[in-house]
Amino acid sequence: MAVIEGGNVISGGVVMETTGPRIFSGNGAPTAGTTYAGQIQVGDLYVDKTTDNVYEYTEPVGTPTFTRIDTV
């Protein structure tokens, strides 16, 4: 097992549970269902590099949703 300092524990190419949220970024606010579709998981964070807003990916009632949680 390899550990990347400041990152996630990697085991067989899969992020192990309990390592905390992954952080994704892009330019502009995320769009539910298209931004990192198939890659992002509930609880992961997305940083809008244009505005520095932080969003958490949630999935209430099976509907992919990004919820703004902070401004850095």
Protein backbone atom coordinates (compact mmCIF):
# COMPACT_ATOMS: atom_id res chain seq x y z
CA MET A 1 0.00 0.00 0.00
CA ALA A 2 1.33 3.45 -0.93
CA VAL A 3 0.55 6.68 0.88
CA ILE A 4 0.75 10.07 -0.80
CA GLU A 5 1.34 12.75 1.81
CA GLY A 6 -1.53 15.22 1.89
CA GLY A 7 -3.63 12.96 -0.33
CA ASN A 8 -5.63 9.76 -0.16
CA VAL A 9 -4.52 6.24 0.68
CA ILE A 10 -4.22 4.25 -2.56
CA SER A 11 -4.84 0.51 -2.64
CA GLY A 12 -5.25 -1.20 -5.99
CA GLY A 13 -6.14 2.11 -7.62
CA VAL A 14 -9.21 2.60 -5.42
CA VAL A 15 -9.62 5.31 -2.79
CA MET A 16 -10.15 3.52 0.49
CA GLU A 17 -13.05 4.44 2.72
CA THR A 18 -12.41 6.68 5.73
CA THR A 19 -9.68 8.66 3.94
CA GLY A 20 -11.88 11.76 3.75
CA PRO A 21 -13.40 13.53 0.77
CA ARG A 22 -11.57 13.81 -2.53
CA ILE A 23 -11.11 17.30 -3.94
CA PHE A 24 -11.90 18.14 -7.56
CA SER A 25 -11.60 21.52 -9.24
CA GLY A 26 -12.58 23.35 -12.36
CA ASN A 27 -13.37 26.75 -13.81
CA GLY A 28 -16.95 27.75 -13.08
CA ALA A 29 -19.69 26.39 -10.88
CA PRO A 30 -20.30 22.63 -11.16
CA THR A 31 -23.29 21.27 -13.07
CA ALA A 32 -25.10 18.34 -11.45
CA GLY A 33 -25.08 15.24 -13.59
CA THR A 34 -22.28 16.43 -15.90
CA THR A 35 -19.35 17.79 -13.83
CA TYR A 36 -17.10 14.77 -13.13
CA ALA A 37 -20.04 12.47 -13.88
CA GLY A 38 -19.18 8.88 -13.01
CA GLN A 39 -16.09 9.94 -11.05
CA ILE A 40 -17.29 12.10 -8.17
CA GLN A 41 -18.87 10.46 -5.13
CA VAL A 42 -21.18 11.71 -2.40
CA GLY A 43 -19.15 13.75 0.09
CA ASP A 44 -16.43 14.77 -2.39
CA LEU A 45 -15.62 18.46 -2.75
CA TYR A 46 -15.41 20.63 -5.86
CA VAL A 47 -13.52 23.95 -5.89
CA ASP A 48 -14.49 26.57 -8.47
CA LYS A 49 -11.10 28.09 -9.34
CA THR A 50 -12.78 31.16 -10.85
CA THR A 51 -14.57 32.27 -7.66
CA ASP A 52 -12.89 30.04 -5.01
CA ASN A 53 -16.32 28.76 -3.97
CA VAL A 54 -16.38 25.26 -2.48
CA TYR A 55 -19.19 22.79 -3.22
CA GLU A 56 -19.97 19.41 -1.69
CA TYR A 57 -21.41 16.68 -3.89
CA THR A 58 -24.59 15.32 -2.32
CA GLU A 59 -27.26 13.05 -3.68
CA PRO A 60 -30.57 13.62 -1.93
CA VAL A 61 -33.25 11.23 -3.19
CA GLY A 62 -31.01 9.99 -6.03
CA THR A 63 -30.66 13.41 -7.66
CA PRO A 64 -27.01 14.44 -8.14
CA THR A 65 -26.53 17.83 -6.47
CA PHE A 66 -23.65 20.18 -5.70
CA THR A 67 -24.23 22.26 -2.54
CA ARG A 68 -22.13 25.37 -1.96
CA ILE A 69 -20.59 25.07 1.49
CA ASP A 70 -18.01 27.82 1.75
CA THR A 71 -15.95 30.49 0.08
CA VAL A 72 -12.20 30.25 0.61
